[in-house]
Amino acid sequence: MIKEMTDFIQHGAFVEWILPDGILVETEWQGQRIEMNMEEIWAWIMDDGISSIGICGMGGVGKTTLAKRIYDYLVIGTKFSGKVYWVTAPQEASIHELLNSVAKAINVDL
């Protein structure tokens, strides 16, 4: 497989998915647990009685990736009529910094 990927890279394919240290970034979703998490979170999103959802876990388990997949599905994969925004805030962010990030995402100048 390494030989095959090296040949792809040498011919210009998948270059954007190779990190500088040579690690291949997986772009396909695999595993039953990921699908179960996606289905569970999607059910909560569709429930009018739920106003917020938190995804928690130790670093590197795929929280951001799962949230990004849901975001992509809302923006690209559905006919969702509302607005969907992706806002990133560092863990140490103050409420002021978070509000500024949200305002910037929705094109509002505070």
C-alpha atoms as a PDB file:
ATOM      1  CA  MET A   1       0.000   0.000   0.000  1.00  0.00           C
ATOM      2  CA  ILE A   2       2.887   2.371   0.761  1.00  0.00           C
ATOM      3  CA  LYS A   3       4.358   1.679  -2.675  1.00  0.00           C
ATOM      4  CA  GLU A   4       0.976   2.310  -4.302  1.00  0.00           C
ATOM      5  CA  MET A   5       0.500   5.611  -2.432  1.00  0.00           C
ATOM      6  CA  THR A   6       4.048   6.683  -3.269  1.00  0.00           C
ATOM      7  CA  ASP A   7       3.277   6.107  -6.957  1.00  0.00           C
ATOM      8  CA  PHE A   8       0.086   8.179  -6.648  1.00  0.00           C
ATOM      9  CA  ILE A   9       1.996  11.012  -4.979  1.00  0.00           C
ATOM     10  CA  GLN A  10       4.728  10.966  -7.625  1.00  0.00           C
ATOM     11  CA  HIS A  11       2.061  11.306 -10.307  1.00  0.00           C
ATOM     12  CA  GLY A  12       0.475  14.308  -8.545  1.00  0.00           C
ATOM     13  CA  ALA A  13      -2.545  12.597  -7.017  1.00  0.00           C
ATOM     14  CA  PHE A  14      -3.651  13.115  -3.428  1.00  0.00           C
ATOM     15  CA  VAL A  15      -0.864  15.598  -2.712  1.00  0.00           C
ATOM     16  CA  GLU A  16      -3.176  17.798  -0.650  1.00  0.00           C
ATOM     17  CA  TRP A  17      -3.866  14.875   1.662  1.00  0.00           C
ATOM     18  CA  ILE A  18      -0.246  14.126   2.515  1.00  0.00           C
ATOM     19  CA  LEU A  19       1.229  15.885   5.526  1.00  0.00           C
ATOM     20  CA  PRO A  20       4.844  17.120   5.396  1.00  0.00           C
ATOM     21  CA  ASP A  21       6.101  14.234   7.515  1.00  0.00           C
ATOM     22  CA  GLY A  22       4.593  11.728   5.085  1.00  0.00           C
ATOM     23  CA  ILE A  23       1.490  10.691   7.016  1.00  0.00           C
ATOM     24  CA  LEU A  24      -1.560  10.056   4.858  1.00  0.00           C
ATOM     25  CA  VAL A  25      -4.702  11.824   6.032  1.00  0.00           C
ATOM     26  CA  GLU A  26      -7.666   9.444   5.816  1.00  0.00           C
ATOM     27  CA  THR A  27     -10.608  11.021   4.020  1.00  0.00           C
ATOM     28  CA  GLU A  28     -13.065   8.134   4.183  1.00  0.00           C
ATOM     29  CA  TRP A  29     -15.252   7.508   7.217  1.00  0.00           C
ATOM     30  CA  GLN A  30     -14.824   4.037   8.563  1.00  0.00           C
ATOM     31  CA  GLY A  31     -16.140   2.206  11.543  1.00  0.00           C
ATOM     32  CA  GLN A  32     -19.504   1.401  12.996  1.00  0.00           C
ATOM     33  CA  ARG A  33     -19.066   3.688  16.035  1.00  0.00           C
ATOM     34  CA  ILE A  34     -18.634   6.795  13.883  1.00  0.00           C
ATOM     35  CA  GLU A  35     -21.870   6.048  12.072  1.00  0.00           C
ATOM     36  CA  MET A  36     -23.684   5.419  15.368  1.00  0.00           C
ATOM     37  CA  ASN A  37     -22.455   8.751  16.769  1.00  0.00           C
ATOM     38  CA  MET A  38     -23.497  10.553  13.599  1.00  0.00           C
ATOM     39  CA  GLU A  39     -26.991   9.035  13.696  1.00  0.00           C
ATOM     40  CA  GLU A  40     -27.419   9.837  17.389  1.00  0.00           C
ATOM     41  CA  ILE A  41     -26.335  13.467  16.996  1.00  0.00           C
ATOM     42  CA  TRP A  42     -28.477  13.856  13.879  1.00  0.00           C
ATOM     43  CA  ALA A  43     -31.531  12.652  15.827  1.00  0.00           C
ATOM     44  CA  TRP A  44     -30.834  15.312  18.478  1.00  0.00           C
ATOM     45  CA  ILE A  45     -30.502  17.995  15.794  1.00  0.00           C
ATOM     46  CA  MET A  46     -33.915  17.038  14.429  1.00  0.00           C
ATOM     47  CA  ASP A  47     -35.501  17.182  17.922  1.00  0.00           C
ATOM     48  CA  ASP A  48     -37.135  20.611  18.438  1.00  0.00           C
ATOM     49  CA  GLY A  49     -36.835  20.171  22.206  1.00  0.00           C
ATOM     50  CA  ILE A  50     -33.030  20.204  22.120  1.00  0.00           C
ATOM     51  CA  SER A  51     -31.379  23.603  21.806  1.00  0.00           C
ATOM     52  CA  SER A  52     -27.698  22.687  22.137  1.00  0.00           C
ATOM     53  CA  ILE A  53     -25.488  19.627  21.776  1.00  0.00           C
ATOM     54  CA  GLY A  54     -22.067  19.089  23.312  1.00  0.00           C
ATOM     55  CA  ILE A  55     -19.539  16.620  21.966  1.00  0.00           C
ATOM     56  CA  CYS A  56     -16.953  15.742  24.583  1.00  0.00           C
ATOM     57  CA  GLY A  57     -14.063  13.341  24.878  1.00  0.00           C
ATOM     58  CA  MET A  58     -10.315  13.187  25.172  1.00  0.00           C
ATOM     59  CA  GLY A  59      -8.145  14.798  22.518  1.00  0.00           C
ATOM     60  CA  GLY A  60      -7.787  13.007  19.215  1.00  0.00           C
ATOM     61  CA  VAL A  61     -10.926  10.877  19.340  1.00  0.00           C
ATOM     62  CA  GLY A  62     -12.630  12.722  16.486  1.00  0.00           C
ATOM     63  CA  LYS A  63     -14.906  15.319  18.108  1.00  0.00           C
ATOM     64  CA  THR A  64     -14.066  18.067  15.630  1.00  0.00           C
ATOM     65  CA  THR A  65     -14.190  15.656  12.717  1.00  0.00           C
ATOM     66  CA  LEU A  66     -17.634  14.466  13.770  1.00  0.00           C
ATOM     67  CA  ALA A  67     -18.880  18.050  14.168  1.00  0.00           C
ATOM     68  CA  LYS A  68     -17.416  18.961  10.771  1.00  0.00           C
ATOM     69  CA  ARG A  69     -19.158  16.017   9.154  1.00  0.00           C
ATOM     70  CA  ILE A  70     -22.487  17.141  10.597  1.00  0.00           C
ATOM     71  CA  TYR A  71     -21.810  20.705   9.462  1.00  0.00           C
ATOM     72  CA  ASP A  72     -20.968  19.517   5.948  1.00  0.00           C
ATOM     73  CA  TYR A  73     -24.105  17.383   5.857  1.00  0.00           C
ATOM     74  CA  LEU A  74     -26.256  20.345   6.908  1.00  0.00           C
ATOM     75  CA  VAL A  75     -24.662  22.693   4.368  1.00  0.00           C
ATOM     76  CA  ILE A  76     -24.171  20.312   1.438  1.00  0.00           C
ATOM     77  CA  GLY A  77     -26.194  17.156   1.987  1.00  0.00           C
ATOM     78  CA  THR A  78     -29.602  18.526   2.956  1.00  0.00           C
ATOM     79  CA  LYS A  79     -32.098  21.130   1.931  1.00  0.00           C
ATOM     80  CA  PHE A  80     -31.793  22.761   5.340  1.00  0.00           C
ATOM     81  CA  SER A  81     -33.448  26.170   5.066  1.00  0.00           C
ATOM     82  CA  GLY A  82     -31.701  27.841   8.006  1.00  0.00           C
ATOM     83  CA  LYS A  83     -28.254  29.312   8.185  1.00  0.00           C
ATOM     84  CA  VAL A  84     -25.397  27.118   9.376  1.00  0.00           C
ATOM     85  CA  TYR A  85     -22.090  28.584  10.546  1.00  0.00           C
ATOM     86  CA  TRP A  86     -18.761  27.036  11.513  1.00  0.00           C
ATOM     87  CA  VAL A  87     -17.079  29.016  14.303  1.00  0.00           C
ATOM     88  CA  THR A  88     -13.815  27.953  15.911  1.00  0.00           C
ATOM     89  CA  ALA A  89     -12.695  29.232  19.295  1.00  0.00           C
ATOM     90  CA  PRO A  90      -9.655  28.185  21.294  1.00  0.00           C
ATOM     91  CA  GLN A  91     -10.248  26.485  24.613  1.00  0.00           C
ATOM     92  CA  GLU A  92      -8.845  29.513  26.444  1.00  0.00           C
ATOM     93  CA  ALA A  93     -11.082  32.000  24.580  1.00  0.00           C
ATOM     94  CA  SER A  94     -12.956  34.620  26.562  1.00  0.00           C
ATOM     95  CA  ILE A  95     -16.653  35.227  26.031  1.00  0.00           C
ATOM     96  CA  HIS A  96     -15.699  38.453  24.224  1.00  0.00           C
ATOM     97  CA  GLU A  97     -13.460  36.548  21.773  1.00  0.00           C
ATOM     98  CA  LEU A  98     -16.174  33.953  21.204  1.00  0.00           C
ATOM     99  CA  LEU A  99     -18.798  36.621  20.542  1.00  0.00           C
ATOM    100  CA  ASN A 100     -16.445  38.317  18.077  1.00  0.00           C
ATOM    101  CA  SER A 101     -15.904  34.994  16.264  1.00  0.00           C
ATOM    102  CA  VAL A 102     -19.658  34.452  15.969  1.00  0.00           C
ATOM    103  CA  ALA A 103     -20.226  38.051  14.854  1.00  0.00           C
ATOM    104  CA  LYS A 104     -17.534  37.714  12.191  1.00  0.00           C
ATOM    105  CA  ALA A 105     -19.114  34.460  10.920  1.00  0.00           C
ATOM    106  CA  ILE A 106     -22.480  36.173  10.449  1.00  0.00           C
ATOM    107  CA  ASN A 107     -20.926  39.385   9.050  1.00  0.00           C
ATOM    108  CA  VAL A 108     -21.813  41.627  11.997  1.00  0.00           C
ATOM    109  CA  ASP A 109     -19.382  44.273  13.226  1.00  0.00           C
ATOM    110  CA  LEU A 110     -19.466  44.570  17.011  1.00  0.00           C
END
